[in-house]
C-alpha atoms as a PDB file:
ATOM      1  CA  ALA A   1      59.222  58.490   5.073  1.00  0.00           C
ATOM      2  CA  ASN A   2      56.628  57.881   7.773  1.00  0.00           C
ATOM      3  CA  PHE A   3      54.041  55.408   6.467  1.00  0.00           C
ATOM      4  CA  GLU A   4      51.100  57.302   8.012  1.00  0.00           C
ATOM      5  CA  ILE A   5      52.155  60.506   6.239  1.00  0.00           C
ATOM      6  CA  VAL A   6      52.545  58.643   2.942  1.00  0.00           C
ATOM      7  CA  LYS A   7      49.075  57.140   3.418  1.00  0.00           C
ATOM      8  CA  LEU A   8      47.567  60.549   4.228  1.00  0.00           C
ATOM      9  CA  VAL A   9      49.016  62.027   1.014  1.00  0.00           C
ATOM     10  CA  VAL A  10      47.768  59.066  -1.033  1.00  0.00           C
ATOM     11  CA  ASP A  11      44.294  59.152   0.542  1.00  0.00           C
ATOM     12  CA  ARG A  12      44.031  62.840  -0.356  1.00  0.00           C
ATOM     13  CA  LYS A  13      44.957  62.047  -3.986  1.00  0.00           C
ATOM     14  CA  GLY A  14      48.381  63.665  -3.671  1.00  0.00           C
ATOM     15  CA  GLY A  15      51.523  62.655  -5.489  1.00  0.00           C
ATOM     16  CA  LEU A  16      54.670  60.951  -4.258  1.00  0.00           C
ATOM     17  CA  GLU A  17      58.294  61.203  -5.366  1.00  0.00           C
ATOM     18  CA  ILE A  18      60.358  58.061  -4.865  1.00  0.00           C
ATOM     19  CA  ALA A  19      64.041  57.182  -5.109  1.00  0.00           C
ATOM     20  CA  SER A  20      64.178  53.421  -4.491  1.00  0.00           C
ATOM     21  CA  LEU A  21      62.387  50.104  -4.862  1.00  0.00           C
ATOM     22  CA  ALA A  22      61.649  50.143  -1.108  1.00  0.00           C
ATOM     23  CA  GLU A  23      59.948  53.537  -1.473  1.00  0.00           C
ATOM     24  CA  LEU A  24      57.943  52.255  -4.448  1.00  0.00           C
ATOM     25  CA  GLU A  25      56.750  49.296  -2.385  1.00  0.00           C
ATOM     26  CA  LYS A  26      55.878  51.555   0.561  1.00  0.00           C
ATOM     27  CA  SER A  27      53.908  53.840  -1.782  1.00  0.00           C
ATOM     28  CA  LEU A  28      51.969  50.916  -3.247  1.00  0.00           C
ATOM     29  CA  ASP A  29      51.332  49.504   0.246  1.00  0.00           C
ATOM     30  CA  ALA A  30      49.828  52.882   1.162  1.00  0.00           C
ATOM     31  CA  GLY A  31      47.380  52.504  -1.735  1.00  0.00           C
ATOM     32  CA  ALA A  32      49.078  54.678  -4.345  1.00  0.00           C
ATOM     33  CA  ILE A  33      48.722  53.871  -8.025  1.00  0.00           C
ATOM     34  CA  GLY A  34      51.498  54.418 -10.541  1.00  0.00           C
ATOM     35  CA  GLU A  35      49.913  57.609 -11.864  1.00  0.00           C
ATOM     36  CA  GLN A  36      50.527  59.232  -8.456  1.00  0.00           C
ATOM     37  CA  ILE A  37      54.252  58.429  -8.422  1.00  0.00           C
ATOM     38  CA  ILE A  38      57.331  59.979 -10.027  1.00  0.00           C
ATOM     39  CA  CYS A  39      60.969  58.949  -9.583  1.00  0.00           C
ATOM     40  CA  SER A  40      63.759  61.542  -9.402  1.00  0.00           C
ATOM     41  CA  ASN A  41      66.659  59.196  -8.687  1.00  0.00           C
ATOM     42  CA  PRO A  42      69.137  59.727 -11.563  1.00  0.00           C
ATOM     43  CA  ILE A  43      70.617  56.201 -11.277  1.00  0.00           C
ATOM     44  CA  LYS A  44      68.147  53.307 -11.238  1.00  0.00           C
ATOM     45  CA  ASN A  45      68.983  49.612 -11.319  1.00  0.00           C
ATOM     46  CA  PRO A  46      67.185  47.177 -13.688  1.00  0.00           C
ATOM     47  CA  ALA A  47      65.032  45.610 -10.924  1.00  0.00           C
ATOM     48  CA  PHE A  48      63.767  49.062  -9.851  1.00  0.00           C
ATOM     49  CA  LEU A  49      63.085  50.074 -13.466  1.00  0.00           C
ATOM     50  CA  LYS A  50      61.179  46.852 -14.166  1.00  0.00           C
ATOM     51  CA  ALA A  51      59.058  47.313 -11.021  1.00  0.00           C
ATOM     52  CA  MET A  52      58.230  50.930 -11.941  1.00  0.00           C
ATOM     53  CA  HIS A  53      57.299  49.850 -15.463  1.00  0.00           C
ATOM     54  CA  ARG A  54      55.146  47.005 -14.170  1.00  0.00           C
ATOM     55  CA  ASN A  55      53.316  49.380 -11.813  1.00  0.00           C
ATOM     56  CA  HIS A  56      52.915  52.171 -14.415  1.00  0.00           C
ATOM     57  CA  VAL A  57      54.870  54.831 -12.486  1.00  0.00           C
ATOM     58  CA  TYR A  58      53.974  58.157 -14.092  1.00  0.00           C
ATOM     59  CA  ALA A  59      57.452  59.459 -15.012  1.00  0.00           C
ATOM     60  CA  MET A  60      61.123  59.241 -14.122  1.00  0.00           C
ATOM     61  CA  VAL A  61      64.199  61.409 -14.413  1.00  0.00           C
ATOM     62  CA  VAL A  62      67.002  60.698 -16.905  1.00  0.00           C
ATOM     63  CA  ASP A  63      70.241  62.678 -16.547  1.00  0.00           C
ATOM     64  CA  SER A  64      72.575  60.852 -18.937  1.00  0.00           C
ATOM     65  CA  THR A  65      72.569  59.001 -22.231  1.00  0.00           C
ATOM     66  CA  PHE A  66      73.487  55.833 -20.304  1.00  0.00           C
ATOM     67  CA  GLU A  67      70.348  56.181 -18.179  1.00  0.00           C
ATOM     68  CA  VAL A  68      68.210  56.771 -21.284  1.00  0.00           C
ATOM     69  CA  GLU A  69      69.455  53.495 -22.786  1.00  0.00           C
ATOM     70  CA  LYS A  70      68.794  51.658 -19.500  1.00  0.00           C
ATOM     71  CA  VAL A  71      65.252  53.054 -19.114  1.00  0.00           C
ATOM     72  CA  ALA A  72      64.480  52.242 -22.763  1.00  0.00           C
ATOM     73  CA  GLN A  73      65.595  48.659 -22.153  1.00  0.00           C
ATOM     74  CA  TYR A  74      63.919  47.951 -18.798  1.00  0.00           C
ATOM     75  CA  ALA A  75      60.981  50.407 -18.798  1.00  0.00           C
ATOM     76  CA  PRO A  76      60.192  50.932 -22.500  1.00  0.00           C
ATOM     77  CA  GLY A  77      57.854  53.761 -23.472  1.00  0.00           C
ATOM     78  CA  SER A  78      58.230  55.567 -20.133  1.00  0.00           C
ATOM     79  CA  LYS A  79      57.614  59.268 -19.680  1.00  0.00           C
ATOM     80  CA  VAL A  80      60.904  60.949 -18.757  1.00  0.00           C
ATOM     81  CA  TYR A  81      62.120  64.340 -17.593  1.00  0.00           C
ATOM     82  CA  VAL A  82      65.601  65.825 -17.217  1.00  0.00           C
ATOM     83  CA  ARG A  83      67.105  67.526 -14.185  1.00  0.00           C
ATOM     84  CA  LEU A  84      68.680  70.847 -15.095  1.00  0.00           C
ATOM     85  CA  ALA A  85      71.712  72.039 -13.116  1.00  0.00           C
ATOM     86  CA  VAL A  86      70.827  75.435 -11.614  1.00  0.00           C
ATOM     87  CA  ASP A  87      72.497  78.042  -9.435  1.00  0.00           C
ATOM     88  CA  ASN A  88      71.998  77.191  -5.773  1.00  0.00           C
ATOM     89  CA  LYS A  89      74.171  79.751  -4.024  1.00  0.00           C
ATOM     90  CA  GLY A  90      72.386  80.929  -0.887  1.00  0.00           C
ATOM     91  CA  SER A  91      71.412  77.412   0.128  1.00  0.00           C
ATOM     92  CA  VAL A  92      72.641  76.004   3.415  1.00  0.00           C
ATOM     93  CA  LEU A  93      73.571  72.790   1.561  1.00  0.00           C
ATOM     94  CA  PRO A  94      74.309  73.667  -2.083  1.00  0.00           C
ATOM     95  CA  LEU A  95      74.209  70.785  -4.547  1.00  0.00           C
ATOM     96  CA  ALA A  96      76.273  72.459  -7.288  1.00  0.00           C
ATOM     97  CA  GLY A  97      78.163  70.055  -9.488  1.00  0.00           C
ATOM     98  CA  LYS A  98      76.498  67.044  -7.925  1.00  0.00           C
ATOM     99  CA  PHE A  99      73.292  66.714  -9.925  1.00  0.00           C
ATOM    100  CA  GLY A 100      71.754  67.940 -13.153  1.00  0.00           C
ATOM    101  CA  VAL A 101      72.907  68.732 -16.656  1.00  0.00           C
ATOM    102  CA  SER A 102      73.325  71.816 -18.832  1.00  0.00           C
ATOM    103  CA  GLY A 103      70.591  73.000 -21.170  1.00  0.00           C
ATOM    104  CA  GLU A 104      72.526  71.695 -24.172  1.00  0.00           C
ATOM    105  CA  GLU A 105      72.914  68.269 -22.552  1.00  0.00           C
ATOM    106  CA  ALA A 106      69.222  68.220 -21.626  1.00  0.00           C
ATOM    107  CA  LEU A 107      68.228  68.779 -25.251  1.00  0.00           C
ATOM    108  CA  ALA A 108      70.522  65.979 -26.447  1.00  0.00           C
ATOM    109  CA  ILE A 109      69.011  63.655 -23.808  1.00  0.00           C
ATOM    110  CA  PHE A 110      65.471  64.572 -24.935  1.00  0.00           C
ATOM    111  CA  ASP A 111      66.372  63.804 -28.569  1.00  0.00           C
ATOM    112  CA  LEU A 112      67.937  60.445 -27.691  1.00  0.00           C
ATOM    113  CA  ALA A 113      65.041  59.522 -25.392  1.00  0.00           C
ATOM    114  CA  LYS A 114      62.530  60.146 -28.170  1.00  0.00           C
ATOM    115  CA  GLU A 115      64.672  58.161 -30.593  1.00  0.00           C
ATOM    116  CA  ARG A 116      64.637  55.238 -28.119  1.00  0.00           C
ATOM    117  CA  GLY A 117      60.845  55.271 -27.814  1.00  0.00           C
ATOM    118  CA  LEU A 118      60.590  57.168 -24.520  1.00  0.00           C
ATOM    119  CA  GLN A 119      58.339  60.196 -23.985  1.00  0.00           C
ATOM    120  CA  PRO A 120      60.190  63.374 -22.902  1.00  0.00           C
ATOM    121  CA  ILE A 121      57.714  65.517 -20.942  1.00  0.00           C
ATOM    122  CA  GLY A 122      59.640  68.202 -19.077  1.00  0.00           C
ATOM    123  CA  LEU A 123      62.265  69.326 -16.610  1.00  0.00           C
ATOM    124  CA  SER A 124      63.159  69.338 -12.953  1.00  0.00           C
ATOM    125  CA  PHE A 125      65.666  71.194 -10.772  1.00  0.00           C
ATOM    126  CA  HIS A 126      66.728  71.509  -7.136  1.00  0.00           C
ATOM    127  CA  VAL A 127      67.899  74.786  -5.624  1.00  0.00           C
ATOM    128  CA  GLY A 128      69.782  73.114  -2.740  1.00  0.00           C
ATOM    129  CA  SER A 129      68.672  72.313   0.791  1.00  0.00           C
ATOM    130  CA  GLN A 130      67.443  75.072   3.112  1.00  0.00           C
ATOM    131  CA  CYS A 131      67.426  77.646   0.308  1.00  0.00           C
ATOM    132  CA  LEU A 132      67.084  81.170   1.710  1.00  0.00           C
ATOM    133  CA  SER A 133      66.755  82.988  -1.635  1.00  0.00           C
ATOM    134  CA  VAL A 134      63.406  83.084  -3.426  1.00  0.00           C
ATOM    135  CA  ASN A 135      65.267  84.308  -6.518  1.00  0.00           C
ATOM    136  CA  ASN A 136      66.936  80.903  -6.840  1.00  0.00           C
ATOM    137  CA  TRP A 137      63.570  79.376  -7.774  1.00  0.00           C
ATOM    138  CA  VAL A 138      62.755  82.264 -10.119  1.00  0.00           C
ATOM    139  CA  ASN A 139      66.125  82.022 -11.909  1.00  0.00           C
ATOM    140  CA  ALA A 140      65.843  78.230 -12.167  1.00  0.00           C
ATOM    141  CA  ILE A 141      62.378  78.487 -13.717  1.00  0.00           C
ATOM    142  CA  LYS A 142      63.690  81.076 -16.166  1.00  0.00           C
ATOM    143  CA  ALA A 143      66.497  78.676 -17.175  1.00  0.00           C
ATOM    144  CA  CYS A 144      63.952  75.864 -17.565  1.00  0.00           C
ATOM    145  CA  GLY A 145      61.822  78.108 -19.788  1.00  0.00           C
ATOM    146  CA  GLU A 146      64.716  78.634 -22.202  1.00  0.00           C
ATOM    147  CA  VAL A 147      65.376  74.891 -22.536  1.00  0.00           C
ATOM    148  CA  TRP A 148      61.622  74.216 -22.717  1.00  0.00           C
ATOM    149  CA  ARG A 149      61.211  76.547 -25.740  1.00  0.00           C
ATOM    150  CA  GLU A 150      64.117  74.946 -27.574  1.00  0.00           C
ATOM    151  CA  ALA A 151      62.819  71.439 -26.783  1.00  0.00           C
ATOM    152  CA  GLU A 152      59.412  72.338 -28.214  1.00  0.00           C
ATOM    153  CA  ALA A 153      61.115  73.810 -31.284  1.00  0.00           C
ATOM    154  CA  ARG A 154      62.718  70.370 -31.738  1.00  0.00           C
ATOM    155  CA  GLY A 155      59.315  68.702 -31.665  1.00  0.00           C
ATOM    156  CA  HIS A 156      59.065  67.617 -28.021  1.00  0.00           C
ATOM    157  CA  HIS A 157      55.797  68.058 -26.121  1.00  0.00           C
ATOM    158  CA  MET A 158      56.676  69.685 -22.786  1.00  0.00           C
ATOM    159  CA  TYR A 159      54.149  69.970 -19.958  1.00  0.00           C
ATOM    160  CA  PHE A 160      55.877  68.826 -16.735  1.00  0.00           C
ATOM    161  CA  LEU A 161      57.945  70.954 -14.330  1.00  0.00           C
ATOM    162  CA  ASP A 162      59.235  69.557 -11.023  1.00  0.00           C
ATOM    163  CA  ILE A 163      60.529  72.405  -8.816  1.00  0.00           C
ATOM    164  CA  GLY A 164      62.290  70.031  -6.425  1.00  0.00           C
ATOM    165  CA  GLY A 165      62.608  70.797  -2.728  1.00  0.00           C
ATOM    166  CA  GLY A 166      64.921  72.979  -0.698  1.00  0.00           C
ATOM    167  CA  PHE A 167      62.172  74.834   1.130  1.00  0.00           C
ATOM    168  CA  PRO A 168      63.676  76.337   4.291  1.00  0.00           C
ATOM    169  CA  ALA A 169      62.373  75.314   7.690  1.00  0.00           C
ATOM    170  CA  GLY A 170      62.240  77.781  10.593  1.00  0.00           C
ATOM    171  CA  HIS A 171      60.299  77.898  13.820  1.00  0.00           C
ATOM    172  CA  TYR A 172      59.586  81.597  13.372  1.00  0.00           C
ATOM    173  CA  HIS A 173      59.656  84.132  10.570  1.00  0.00           C
ATOM    174  CA  ASP A 174      62.109  86.956  11.225  1.00  0.00           C
ATOM    175  CA  GLY A 175      62.428  88.182   7.652  1.00  0.00           C
ATOM    176  CA  THR A 176      65.532  86.110   6.875  1.00  0.00           C
ATOM    177  CA  ILE A 177      63.718  82.862   6.111  1.00  0.00           C
ATOM    178  CA  PRO A 178      61.201  83.125   3.244  1.00  0.00           C
ATOM    179  CA  THR A 179      57.826  81.575   3.997  1.00  0.00           C
ATOM    180  CA  ILE A 180      56.354  78.835   1.842  1.00  0.00           C
ATOM    181  CA  GLU A 181      53.698  81.367   0.769  1.00  0.00           C
ATOM    182  CA  GLU A 182      56.356  83.823  -0.464  1.00  0.00           C
ATOM    183  CA  ILE A 183      58.159  81.076  -2.346  1.00  0.00           C
ATOM    184  CA  GLY A 184      54.870  79.791  -3.779  1.00  0.00           C
ATOM    185  CA  SER A 185      53.690  83.143  -5.099  1.00  0.00           C
ATOM    186  CA  SER A 186      57.100  83.869  -6.680  1.00  0.00           C
ATOM    187  CA  VAL A 187      57.186  80.414  -8.262  1.00  0.00           C
ATOM    188  CA  MET A 188      53.703  80.796  -9.726  1.00  0.00           C
ATOM    189  CA  ARG A 189      54.536  84.226 -11.172  1.00  0.00           C
ATOM    190  CA  ALA A 190      57.768  82.835 -12.656  1.00  0.00           C
ATOM    191  CA  VAL A 191      55.957  79.868 -14.203  1.00  0.00           C
ATOM    192  CA  GLU A 192      53.394  82.202 -15.750  1.00  0.00           C
ATOM    193  CA  HIS A 193      56.131  84.487 -17.059  1.00  0.00           C
ATOM    194  CA  PHE A 194      58.816  82.054 -18.236  1.00  0.00           C
ATOM    195  CA  ILE A 195      57.210  78.678 -18.995  1.00  0.00           C
ATOM    196  CA  PRO A 196      55.429  78.585 -22.368  1.00  0.00           C
ATOM    197  CA  THR A 197      51.817  77.478 -22.258  1.00  0.00           C
ATOM    198  CA  THR A 198      51.267  74.384 -24.312  1.00  0.00           C
ATOM    199  CA  PRO A 199      47.908  73.850 -26.024  1.00  0.00           C
ATOM    200  CA  ASP A 200      46.346  70.466 -25.211  1.00  0.00           C
END
């Protein structure tokens, strides 16, 4: 990522998503504090985990029981979220089968994370790169809502939803590429409809 863009986001109190130790260091160099940073890399080495823990990175993804054990060891007490596998047909670069877990697996990961002293806080997903279907976000949020309800029924406190990327880029709008505004309004309606509100 361009350092000036990172700095602009940080200066405006925005958040950053990182995937490596180098990106963590760049974020900190730009003036970010841990509370502004999340990590969505599903496989993190011990040095990266220790650095995130030391710098109080807000939350990180865990997509396997192995990763839960590793985070508990090297970044104890961390807030964690799980990436749900969702339908990404209609994307120029689908990610099906590559990332994410089923709802059942997500719930088992939440339970283990809590048992290991971590704090499960929510879910993430990715609809695939250059996604041309607004419904992919809506359907993914609906799937998240179902897992969210079951997680809360199991005693987890859910309040975090990362809708990933995949926003299509086009130099002009000819009706085939949804605008960021169209995606945004559909996402917000879906969140309101499918994601349970949690009292503070």
